[in-house]
Amino acid sequence: MIIINGTNDNFQKEVLESELPVLVDFNATWCPPCQALHPILEEIANEGGDFKIVAVDIDDEEELAEKFNISSIPCLILFNDGVEVDRKIGLQPKKRLQKMLGVK
């Protein structure tokens, strides 16, 4: 599975209308914890499962960052049936992210 690049144009389809749970990673290229989180998310994505991972660069997608009240990054939001069900801020360990997604 690949990490999908989230944009204002595809967010509705990829996240809000998804039949699978979606973990959205709000990040920025200048953010060291965001860069440290990316390989962990890639590992989880490569291991697969019934979920999607979408990465949103807050500098490129300011409107989405504002819509979801992103004030600290990395900010991970889990959506299920288009509704926010969990939110974690900061660098998270792999096991915590897997637990969020219901992956063992």
PDB file of N, CA and C in Angstrom:
ATOM      1  N   MET A   1       0.848  -1.172   0.000  1.00  0.00           N
ATOM      2  CA  MET A   1       0.000   0.000   0.000  1.00  0.00           C
ATOM      3  C   MET A   1       0.898   1.241   0.000  1.00  0.00           C
ATOM      4  N   ILE A   2       0.443   2.253  -0.673  1.00  0.00           N
ATOM      5  CA  ILE A   2       1.201   3.504  -0.707  1.00  0.00           C
ATOM      6  C   ILE A   2       0.535   4.536   0.192  1.00  0.00           C
ATOM      7  N   ILE A   3       1.309   5.502   0.599  1.00  0.00           N
ATOM      8  CA  ILE A   3       0.749   6.635   1.327  1.00  0.00           C
ATOM      9  C   ILE A   3       0.257   7.626   0.282  1.00  0.00           C
ATOM     10  N   ILE A   4      -1.003   7.977   0.379  1.00  0.00           N
ATOM     11  CA  ILE A   4      -1.635   8.866  -0.594  1.00  0.00           C
ATOM     12  C   ILE A   4      -1.333  10.309  -0.223  1.00  0.00           C
ATOM     13  N   ASN A   5      -0.983  11.098  -1.230  1.00  0.00           N
ATOM     14  CA  ASN A   5      -0.759  12.526  -1.033  1.00  0.00           C
ATOM     15  C   ASN A   5      -2.123  13.221  -0.972  1.00  0.00           C
ATOM     16  N   GLY A   6      -2.477  13.717   0.204  1.00  0.00           N
ATOM     17  CA  GLY A   6      -3.778  14.354   0.378  1.00  0.00           C
ATOM     18  C   GLY A   6      -3.756  15.805  -0.045  1.00  0.00           C
ATOM     19  N   THR A   7      -4.748  16.178  -0.827  1.00  0.00           N
ATOM     20  CA  THR A   7      -4.896  17.557  -1.289  1.00  0.00           C
ATOM     21  C   THR A   7      -6.335  18.005  -1.073  1.00  0.00           C
ATOM     22  N   ASN A   8      -6.552  19.288  -1.200  1.00  0.00           N
ATOM     23  CA  ASN A   8      -7.909  19.810  -1.113  1.00  0.00           C
ATOM     24  C   ASN A   8      -8.802  19.185  -2.185  1.00  0.00           C
ATOM     25  N   ASP A   9      -8.205  18.856  -3.333  1.00  0.00           N
ATOM     26  CA  ASP A   9      -8.966  18.287  -4.447  1.00  0.00           C
ATOM     27  C   ASP A   9      -9.401  16.843  -4.205  1.00  0.00           C
ATOM     28  N   ASN A  10      -8.581  16.041  -3.490  1.00  0.00           N
ATOM     29  CA  ASN A  10      -8.934  14.627  -3.349  1.00  0.00           C
ATOM     30  C   ASN A  10      -9.345  14.233  -1.929  1.00  0.00           C
ATOM     31  N   PHE A  11      -9.326  15.159  -0.971  1.00  0.00           N
ATOM     32  CA  PHE A  11      -9.595  14.830   0.428  1.00  0.00           C
ATOM     33  C   PHE A  11     -10.999  14.246   0.617  1.00  0.00           C
ATOM     34  N   GLN A  12     -11.964  14.826  -0.022  1.00  0.00           N
ATOM     35  CA  GLN A  12     -13.349  14.337   0.094  1.00  0.00           C
ATOM     36  C   GLN A  12     -13.428  12.867  -0.311  1.00  0.00           C
ATOM     37  N   LYS A  13     -12.881  12.544  -1.475  1.00  0.00           N
ATOM     38  CA  LYS A  13     -12.952  11.174  -2.000  1.00  0.00           C
ATOM     39  C   LYS A  13     -12.088  10.211  -1.191  1.00  0.00           C
ATOM     40  N   GLU A  14     -10.835  10.593  -0.932  1.00  0.00           N
ATOM     41  CA  GLU A  14      -9.879   9.676  -0.294  1.00  0.00           C
ATOM     42  C   GLU A  14     -10.124   9.489   1.199  1.00  0.00           C
ATOM     43  N   VAL A  15     -10.668  10.491   1.863  1.00  0.00           N
ATOM     44  CA  VAL A  15     -10.822  10.424   3.321  1.00  0.00           C
ATOM     45  C   VAL A  15     -12.289  10.382   3.732  1.00  0.00           C
ATOM     46  N   LEU A  16     -13.018  11.419   3.417  1.00  0.00           N
ATOM     47  CA  LEU A  16     -14.376  11.548   3.935  1.00  0.00           C
ATOM     48  C   LEU A  16     -15.355  10.547   3.341  1.00  0.00           C
ATOM     49  N   GLU A  17     -15.126  10.105   2.109  1.00  0.00           N
ATOM     50  CA  GLU A  17     -16.013   9.131   1.472  1.00  0.00           C
ATOM     51  C   GLU A  17     -15.441   7.718   1.478  1.00  0.00           C
ATOM     52  N   SER A  18     -14.310   7.512   2.125  1.00  0.00           N
ATOM     53  CA  SER A  18     -13.662   6.202   2.131  1.00  0.00           C
ATOM     54  C   SER A  18     -14.470   5.185   2.931  1.00  0.00           C
ATOM     55  N   GLU A  19     -14.556   3.976   2.397  1.00  0.00           N
ATOM     56  CA  GLU A  19     -15.205   2.885   3.116  1.00  0.00           C
ATOM     57  C   GLU A  19     -14.260   2.272   4.146  1.00  0.00           C
ATOM     58  N   LEU A  20     -12.963   2.551   4.010  1.00  0.00           N
ATOM     59  CA  LEU A  20     -11.961   2.062   4.953  1.00  0.00           C
ATOM     60  C   LEU A  20     -11.618   3.150   5.955  1.00  0.00           C
ATOM     61  N   PRO A  21     -11.143   2.773   7.146  1.00  0.00           N
ATOM     62  CA  PRO A  21     -10.611   3.782   8.052  1.00  0.00           C
ATOM     63  C   PRO A  21      -9.413   4.474   7.390  1.00  0.00           C
ATOM     64  N   VAL A  22      -9.250   5.764   7.668  1.00  0.00           N
ATOM     65  CA  VAL A  22      -8.166   6.535   7.064  1.00  0.00           C
ATOM     66  C   VAL A  22      -7.398   7.276   8.160  1.00  0.00           C
ATOM     67  N   LEU A  23      -6.086   7.062   8.180  1.00  0.00           N
ATOM     68  CA  LEU A  23      -5.213   7.797   9.078  1.00  0.00           C
ATOM     69  C   LEU A  23      -4.606   8.940   8.283  1.00  0.00           C
ATOM     70  N   VAL A  24      -4.910  10.173   8.685  1.00  0.00           N
ATOM     71  CA  VAL A  24      -4.397  11.344   7.977  1.00  0.00           C
ATOM     72  C   VAL A  24      -3.256  11.936   8.790  1.00  0.00           C
ATOM     73  N   ASP A  25      -2.115  12.089   8.124  1.00  0.00           N
ATOM     74  CA  ASP A  25      -0.914  12.656   8.724  1.00  0.00           C
ATOM     75  C   ASP A  25      -0.758  14.085   8.226  1.00  0.00           C
ATOM     76  N   PHE A  26      -1.076  15.064   9.088  1.00  0.00           N
ATOM     77  CA  PHE A  26      -0.844  16.467   8.753  1.00  0.00           C
ATOM     78  C   PHE A  26       0.598  16.772   9.137  1.00  0.00           C
ATOM     79  N   ASN A  27       1.395  17.211   8.166  1.00  0.00           N
ATOM     80  CA  ASN A  27       2.833  17.366   8.374  1.00  0.00           C
ATOM     81  C   ASN A  27       3.375  18.532   7.573  1.00  0.00           C
ATOM     82  N   ALA A  28       4.709  18.725   7.671  1.00  0.00           N
ATOM     83  CA  ALA A  28       5.411  19.731   6.863  1.00  0.00           C
ATOM     84  C   ALA A  28       6.837  19.239   6.638  1.00  0.00           C
ATOM     85  N   THR A  29       7.409  19.631   5.523  1.00  0.00           N
ATOM     86  CA  THR A  29       8.762  19.173   5.176  1.00  0.00           C
ATOM     87  C   THR A  29       9.814  19.731   6.128  1.00  0.00           C
ATOM     88  N   TRP A  30       9.574  20.876   6.760  1.00  0.00           N
ATOM     89  CA  TRP A  30      10.540  21.510   7.651  1.00  0.00           C
ATOM     90  C   TRP A  30      10.461  20.996   9.088  1.00  0.00           C
ATOM     91  N   CYS A  31       9.569  20.059   9.362  1.00  0.00           N
ATOM     92  CA  CYS A  31       9.293  19.576  10.718  1.00  0.00           C
ATOM     93  C   CYS A  31      10.057  18.269  10.997  1.00  0.00           C
ATOM     94  N   PRO A  32      11.118  18.306  11.850  1.00  0.00           N
ATOM     95  CA  PRO A  32      11.881  17.080  12.123  1.00  0.00           C
ATOM     96  C   PRO A  32      11.048  15.910  12.668  1.00  0.00           C
ATOM     97  N   PRO A  33      10.113  16.120  13.623  1.00  0.00           N
ATOM     98  CA  PRO A  33       9.303  14.974  14.064  1.00  0.00           C
ATOM     99  C   PRO A  33       8.443  14.393  12.934  1.00  0.00           C
ATOM    100  N   CYS A  34       7.993  15.255  12.022  1.00  0.00           N
ATOM    101  CA  CYS A  34       7.219  14.781  10.870  1.00  0.00           C
ATOM    102  C   CYS A  34       8.075  13.876   9.992  1.00  0.00           C
ATOM    103  N   GLN A  35       9.312  14.293   9.784  1.00  0.00           N
ATOM    104  CA  GLN A  35      10.220  13.505   8.951  1.00  0.00           C
ATOM    105  C   GLN A  35      10.561  12.182   9.633  1.00  0.00           C
ATOM    106  N   ALA A  36      10.652  12.172  10.958  1.00  0.00           N
ATOM    107  CA  ALA A  36      10.918  10.935  11.698  1.00  0.00           C
ATOM    108  C   ALA A  36       9.706  10.004  11.660  1.00  0.00           C
ATOM    109  N   LEU A  37       8.512  10.562  11.579  1.00  0.00           N
ATOM    110  CA  LEU A  37       7.288   9.772  11.548  1.00  0.00           C
ATOM    111  C   LEU A  37       7.075   9.093  10.202  1.00  0.00           C
ATOM    112  N   HIS A  38       7.515   9.734   9.124  1.00  0.00           N
ATOM    113  CA  HIS A  38       7.233   9.222   7.780  1.00  0.00           C
ATOM    114  C   HIS A  38       7.686   7.770   7.572  1.00  0.00           C
ATOM    115  N   PRO A  39       8.911   7.372   7.957  1.00  0.00           N
ATOM    116  CA  PRO A  39       9.303   5.969   7.760  1.00  0.00           C
ATOM    117  C   PRO A  39       8.435   4.984   8.558  1.00  0.00           C
ATOM    118  N   ILE A  40       7.954   5.411   9.720  1.00  0.00           N
ATOM    119  CA  ILE A  40       7.068   4.552  10.515  1.00  0.00           C
ATOM    120  C   ILE A  40       5.753   4.342   9.772  1.00  0.00           C
ATOM    121  N   LEU A  41       5.209   5.421   9.219  1.00  0.00           N
ATOM    122  CA  LEU A  41       3.966   5.312   8.448  1.00  0.00           C
ATOM    123  C   LEU A  41       4.172   4.459   7.200  1.00  0.00           C
ATOM    124  N   GLU A  42       5.337   4.586   6.552  1.00  0.00           N
ATOM    125  CA  GLU A  42       5.631   3.754   5.379  1.00  0.00           C
ATOM    126  C   GLU A  42       5.681   2.284   5.758  1.00  0.00           C
ATOM    127  N   GLU A  43       6.289   1.968   6.888  1.00  0.00           N
ATOM    128  CA  GLU A  43       6.333   0.577   7.356  1.00  0.00           C
ATOM    129  C   GLU A  43       4.930   0.027   7.548  1.00  0.00           C
ATOM    130  N   ILE A  44       4.096   0.791   8.240  1.00  0.00           N
ATOM    131  CA  ILE A  44       2.720   0.360   8.493  1.00  0.00           C
ATOM    132  C   ILE A  44       1.968   0.180   7.176  1.00  0.00           C
ATOM    133  N   ALA A  45       2.144   1.128   6.255  1.00  0.00           N
ATOM    134  CA  ALA A  45       1.480   1.042   4.946  1.00  0.00           C
ATOM    135  C   ALA A  45       1.941  -0.197   4.195  1.00  0.00           C
ATOM    136  N   ASN A  46       3.242  -0.480   4.222  1.00  0.00           N
ATOM    137  CA  ASN A  46       3.783  -1.628   3.497  1.00  0.00           C
ATOM    138  C   ASN A  46       3.331  -2.954   4.101  1.00  0.00           C
ATOM    139  N   GLU A  47       3.042  -2.968   5.391  1.00  0.00           N
ATOM    140  CA  GLU A  47       2.554  -4.188   6.035  1.00  0.00           C
ATOM    141  C   GLU A  47       1.105  -4.459   5.666  1.00  0.00           C
ATOM    142  N   GLY A  48       0.420  -3.440   5.184  1.00  0.00           N
ATOM    143  CA  GLY A  48      -0.939  -3.600   4.673  1.00  0.00           C
ATOM    144  C   GLY A  48      -1.985  -3.741   5.758  1.00  0.00           C
ATOM    145  N   GLY A  49      -3.227  -3.766   5.311  1.00  0.00           N
ATOM    146  CA  GLY A  49      -4.363  -3.875   6.212  1.00  0.00           C
ATOM    147  C   GLY A  49      -5.571  -3.194   5.600  1.00  0.00           C
ATOM    148  N   ASP A  50      -6.656  -3.236   6.334  1.00  0.00           N
ATOM    149  CA  ASP A  50      -7.902  -2.637   5.863  1.00  0.00           C
ATOM    150  C   ASP A  50      -7.995  -1.184   6.321  1.00  0.00           C
ATOM    151  N   PHE A  51      -7.121  -0.363   5.777  1.00  0.00           N
ATOM    152  CA  PHE A  51      -7.081   1.051   6.104  1.00  0.00           C
ATOM    153  C   PHE A  51      -6.311   1.776   5.006  1.00  0.00           C
ATOM    154  N   LYS A  52      -6.355   3.104   5.047  1.00  0.00           N
ATOM    155  CA  LYS A  52      -5.555   3.942   4.152  1.00  0.00           C
ATOM    156  C   LYS A  52      -4.784   4.933   4.998  1.00  0.00           C
ATOM    157  N   ILE A  53      -3.652   5.373   4.451  1.00  0.00           N
ATOM    158  CA  ILE A  53      -2.886   6.446   5.078  1.00  0.00           C
ATOM    159  C   ILE A  53      -2.769   7.575   4.067  1.00  0.00           C
ATOM    160  N   VAL A  54      -3.126   8.771   4.504  1.00  0.00           N
ATOM    161  CA  VAL A  54      -3.092   9.955   3.650  1.00  0.00           C
ATOM    162  C   VAL A  54      -2.204  10.995   4.338  1.00  0.00           C
ATOM    163  N   ALA A  55      -1.247  11.536   3.608  1.00  0.00           N
ATOM    164  CA  ALA A  55      -0.352  12.570   4.135  1.00  0.00           C
ATOM    165  C   ALA A  55      -0.734  13.925   3.540  1.00  0.00           C
ATOM    166  N   VAL A  56      -0.893  14.909   4.404  1.00  0.00           N
ATOM    167  CA  VAL A  56      -1.262  16.255   3.983  1.00  0.00           C
ATOM    168  C   VAL A  56      -0.174  17.218   4.438  1.00  0.00           C
ATOM    169  N   ASP A  57       0.472  17.881   3.486  1.00  0.00           N
ATOM    170  CA  ASP A  57       1.469  18.907   3.798  1.00  0.00           C
ATOM    171  C   ASP A  57       0.721  20.199   4.105  1.00  0.00           C
ATOM    172  N   ILE A  58       0.855  20.678   5.343  1.00  0.00           N
ATOM    173  CA  ILE A  58       0.066  21.846   5.755  1.00  0.00           C
ATOM    174  C   ILE A  58       0.475  23.129   5.046  1.00  0.00           C
ATOM    175  N   ASP A  59       1.692  23.169   4.525  1.00  0.00           N
ATOM    176  CA  ASP A  59       2.114  24.360   3.782  1.00  0.00           C
ATOM    177  C   ASP A  59       1.480  24.399   2.398  1.00  0.00           C
ATOM    178  N   ASP A  60       1.280  23.221   1.808  1.00  0.00           N
ATOM    179  CA  ASP A  60       0.652  23.139   0.487  1.00  0.00           C
ATOM    180  C   ASP A  60      -0.869  23.175   0.575  1.00  0.00           C
ATOM    181  N   GLU A  61      -1.405  22.707   1.694  1.00  0.00           N
ATOM    182  CA  GLU A  61      -2.862  22.570   1.847  1.00  0.00           C
ATOM    183  C   GLU A  61      -3.332  23.314   3.098  1.00  0.00           C
ATOM    184  N   GLU A  62      -3.092  24.620   3.105  1.00  0.00           N
ATOM    185  CA  GLU A  62      -3.441  25.446   4.261  1.00  0.00           C
ATOM    186  C   GLU A  62      -4.930  25.393   4.592  1.00  0.00           C
ATOM    187  N   GLU A  63      -5.758  25.287   3.567  1.00  0.00           N
ATOM    188  CA  GLU A  63      -7.204  25.260   3.780  1.00  0.00           C
ATOM    189  C   GLU A  63      -7.620  24.028   4.590  1.00  0.00           C
ATOM    190  N   LEU A  64      -7.024  22.871   4.284  1.00  0.00           N
ATOM    191  CA  LEU A  64      -7.335  21.651   5.034  1.00  0.00           C
ATOM    192  C   LEU A  64      -6.826  21.751   6.471  1.00  0.00           C
ATOM    193  N   ALA A  65      -5.628  22.301   6.633  1.00  0.00           N
ATOM    194  CA  ALA A  65      -5.072  22.461   7.978  1.00  0.00           C
ATOM    195  C   ALA A  65      -5.975  23.357   8.832  1.00  0.00           C
ATOM    196  N   GLU A  66      -6.482  24.392   8.234  1.00  0.00           N
ATOM    197  CA  GLU A  66      -7.370  25.297   8.955  1.00  0.00           C
ATOM    198  C   GLU A  66      -8.706  24.625   9.255  1.00  0.00           C
ATOM    199  N   LYS A  67      -9.245  23.911   8.292  1.00  0.00           N
ATOM    200  CA  LYS A  67     -10.541  23.235   8.457  1.00  0.00           C
ATOM    201  C   LYS A  67     -10.517  22.256   9.624  1.00  0.00           C
ATOM    202  N   PHE A  68      -9.381  21.579   9.819  1.00  0.00           N
ATOM    203  CA  PHE A  68      -9.283  20.572  10.873  1.00  0.00           C
ATOM    204  C   PHE A  68      -8.528  21.080  12.110  1.00  0.00           C
ATOM    205  N   ASN A  69      -8.383  22.404  12.208  1.00  0.00           N
ATOM    206  CA  ASN A  69      -7.788  23.052  13.385  1.00  0.00           C
ATOM    207  C   ASN A  69      -6.423  22.476  13.756  1.00  0.00           C
ATOM    208  N   ILE A  70      -5.560  22.362  12.762  1.00  0.00           N
ATOM    209  CA  ILE A  70      -4.220  21.845  13.004  1.00  0.00           C
ATOM    210  C   ILE A  70      -3.352  22.979  13.533  1.00  0.00           C
ATOM    211  N   SER A  71      -2.932  22.858  14.787  1.00  0.00           N
ATOM    212  CA  SER A  71      -2.100  23.899  15.385  1.00  0.00           C
ATOM    213  C   SER A  71      -0.716  23.371  15.747  1.00  0.00           C
ATOM    214  N   SER A  72      -0.558  22.051  15.814  1.00  0.00           N
ATOM    215  CA  SER A  72       0.730  21.418  16.087  1.00  0.00           C
ATOM    216  C   SER A  72       0.892  20.242  15.135  1.00  0.00           C
ATOM    217  N   ILE A  73       2.136  20.013  14.710  1.00  0.00           N
ATOM    218  CA  ILE A  73       2.400  18.889  13.815  1.00  0.00           C
ATOM    219  C   ILE A  73       3.583  18.085  14.338  1.00  0.00           C
ATOM    220  N   PRO A  74       3.672  16.822  13.984  1.00  0.00           N
ATOM    221  CA  PRO A  74       2.684  16.090  13.209  1.00  0.00           C
ATOM    222  C   PRO A  74       1.383  15.913  13.993  1.00  0.00           C
ATOM    223  N   CYS A  75       0.301  15.920  13.256  1.00  0.00           N
ATOM    224  CA  CYS A  75      -1.022  15.676  13.819  1.00  0.00           C
ATOM    225  C   CYS A  75      -1.633  14.535  13.028  1.00  0.00           C
ATOM    226  N   LEU A  76      -1.972  13.480  13.736  1.00  0.00           N
ATOM    227  CA  LEU A  76      -2.545  12.291  13.107  1.00  0.00           C
ATOM    228  C   LEU A  76      -4.013  12.200  13.486  1.00  0.00           C
ATOM    229  N   ILE A  77      -4.875  12.166  12.477  1.00  0.00           N
ATOM    230  CA  ILE A  77      -6.307  12.070  12.720  1.00  0.00           C
ATOM    231  C   ILE A  77      -6.821  10.802  12.045  1.00  0.00           C
ATOM    232  N   LEU A  78      -7.532   9.991  12.821  1.00  0.00           N
ATOM    233  CA  LEU A  78      -8.148   8.784  12.277  1.00  0.00           C
ATOM    234  C   LEU A  78      -9.603   9.088  11.948  1.00  0.00           C
ATOM    235  N   PHE A  79      -9.975   8.829  10.699  1.00  0.00           N
ATOM    236  CA  PHE A  79     -11.350   9.001  10.232  1.00  0.00           C
ATOM    237  C   PHE A  79     -11.958   7.638   9.977  1.00  0.00           C
ATOM    238  N   ASN A  80     -13.196   7.480  10.396  1.00  0.00           N
ATOM    239  CA  ASN A  80     -13.944   6.266  10.099  1.00  0.00           C
ATOM    240  C   ASN A  80     -15.320   6.707   9.612  1.00  0.00           C
ATOM    241  N   ASP A  81     -15.685   6.275   8.421  1.00  0.00           N
ATOM    242  CA  ASP A  81     -16.945   6.704   7.792  1.00  0.00           C
ATOM    243  C   ASP A  81     -17.026   8.224   7.703  1.00  0.00           C
ATOM    244  N   GLY A  82     -15.877   8.868   7.423  1.00  0.00           N
ATOM    245  CA  GLY A  82     -15.834  10.306   7.222  1.00  0.00           C
ATOM    246  C   GLY A  82     -15.873  11.139   8.493  1.00  0.00           C
ATOM    247  N   VAL A  83     -15.800  10.476   9.653  1.00  0.00           N
ATOM    248  CA  VAL A  83     -15.883  11.171  10.933  1.00  0.00           C
ATOM    249  C   VAL A  83     -14.575  10.987  11.698  1.00  0.00           C
ATOM    250  N   GLU A  84     -14.091  12.073  12.307  1.00  0.00           N
ATOM    251  CA  GLU A  84     -12.899  11.970  13.138  1.00  0.00           C
ATOM    252  C   GLU A  84     -13.214  11.144  14.374  1.00  0.00           C
ATOM    253  N   VAL A  85     -12.426  10.076  14.593  1.00  0.00           N
ATOM    254  CA  VAL A  85     -12.650   9.215  15.754  1.00  0.00           C
ATOM    255  C   VAL A  85     -11.480   9.218  16.729  1.00  0.00           C
ATOM    256  N   ASP A  86     -10.323   9.708  16.297  1.00  0.00           N
ATOM    257  CA  ASP A  86      -9.157   9.774  17.174  1.00  0.00           C
ATOM    258  C   ASP A  86      -8.182  10.802  16.626  1.00  0.00           C
ATOM    259  N   ARG A  87      -7.386  11.393  17.536  1.00  0.00           N
ATOM    260  CA  ARG A  87      -6.398  12.396  17.135  1.00  0.00           C
ATOM    261  C   ARG A  87      -5.207  12.279  18.070  1.00  0.00           C
ATOM    262  N   LYS A  88      -4.015  12.237  17.490  1.00  0.00           N
ATOM    263  CA  LYS A  88      -2.772  12.215  18.253  1.00  0.00           C
ATOM    264  C   LYS A  88      -1.864  13.306  17.698  1.00  0.00           C
ATOM    265  N   ILE A  89      -1.171  14.007  18.600  1.00  0.00           N
ATOM    266  CA  ILE A  89      -0.259  15.065  18.184  1.00  0.00           C
ATOM    267  C   ILE A  89       1.152  14.677  18.595  1.00  0.00           C
ATOM    268  N   GLY A  90       2.084  14.895  17.671  1.00  0.00           N
ATOM    269  CA  GLY A  90       3.487  14.597  17.950  1.00  0.00           C
ATOM    270  C   GLY A  90       3.898  13.243  17.389  1.00  0.00           C
ATOM    271  N   LEU A  91       5.184  12.987  17.481  1.00  0.00           N
ATOM    272  CA  LEU A  91       5.753  11.732  17.001  1.00  0.00           C
ATOM    273  C   LEU A  91       5.195  10.586  17.833  1.00  0.00           C
ATOM    274  N   GLN A  92       4.643   9.587  17.167  1.00  0.00           N
ATOM    275  CA  GLN A  92       4.021   8.452  17.839  1.00  0.00           C
ATOM    276  C   GLN A  92       4.779   7.171  17.521  1.00  0.00           C
ATOM    277  N   PRO A  93       4.866   6.255  18.496  1.00  0.00           N
ATOM    278  CA  PRO A  93       5.510   4.978  18.211  1.00  0.00           C
ATOM    279  C   PRO A  93       4.634   4.111  17.301  1.00  0.00           C
ATOM    280  N   LYS A  94       5.282   3.232  16.586  1.00  0.00           N
ATOM    281  CA  LYS A  94       4.589   2.359  15.634  1.00  0.00           C
ATOM    282  C   LYS A  94       3.447   1.596  16.295  1.00  0.00           C
ATOM    283  N   LYS A  95       3.681   1.042  17.472  1.00  0.00           N
ATOM    284  CA  LYS A  95       2.641   0.248  18.147  1.00  0.00           C
ATOM    285  C   LYS A  95       1.385   1.079  18.447  1.00  0.00           C
ATOM    286  N   ARG A  96       1.573   2.338  18.821  1.00  0.00           N
ATOM    287  CA  ARG A  96       0.417   3.198  19.109  1.00  0.00           C
ATOM    288  C   ARG A  96      -0.382   3.465  17.828  1.00  0.00           C
ATOM    289  N   LEU A  97       0.325   3.672  16.723  1.00  0.00           N
ATOM    290  CA  LEU A  97      -0.366   3.903  15.448  1.00  0.00           C
ATOM    291  C   LEU A  97      -1.088   2.644  14.994  1.00  0.00           C
ATOM    292  N   GLN A  98      -0.455   1.497  15.170  1.00  0.00           N
ATOM    293  CA  GLN A  98      -1.105   0.239  14.808  1.00  0.00           C
ATOM    294  C   GLN A  98      -2.359   0.021  15.651  1.00  0.00           C
ATOM    295  N   LYS A  99      -2.281   0.364  16.930  1.00  0.00           N
ATOM    296  CA  LYS A  99      -3.447   0.229  17.811  1.00  0.00           C
ATOM    297  C   LYS A  99      -4.561   1.156  17.339  1.00  0.00           C
ATOM    298  N   MET A 100      -4.207   2.382  16.946  1.00  0.00           N
ATOM    299  CA  MET A 100      -5.194   3.329  16.426  1.00  0.00           C
ATOM    300  C   MET A 100      -5.943   2.733  15.238  1.00  0.00           C
ATOM    301  N   LEU A 101      -5.184   2.033  14.381  1.00  0.00           N
ATOM    302  CA  LEU A 101      -5.745   1.467  13.155  1.00  0.00           C
ATOM    303  C   LEU A 101      -6.362   0.075  13.376  1.00  0.00           C
ATOM    304  N   GLY A 102      -6.214  -0.458  14.564  1.00  0.00           N
ATOM    305  CA  GLY A 102      -6.746  -1.793  14.832  1.00  0.00           C
ATOM    306  C   GLY A 102      -5.899  -2.898  14.225  1.00  0.00           C
ATOM    307  N   VAL A 103      -4.591  -2.616  14.034  1.00  0.00           N
ATOM    308  CA  VAL A 103      -3.657  -3.576  13.444  1.00  0.00           C
ATOM    309  C   VAL A 103      -2.821  -4.187  14.563  1.00  0.00           C
ATOM    310  N   LYS A 104      -2.579  -5.476  14.474  1.00  0.00           N
ATOM    311  CA  LYS A 104      -1.746  -6.139  15.503  1.00  0.00           C
ATOM    312  C   LYS A 104      -0.317  -6.261  15.048  1.00  0.00           C
TER     313      LYS A 104
END
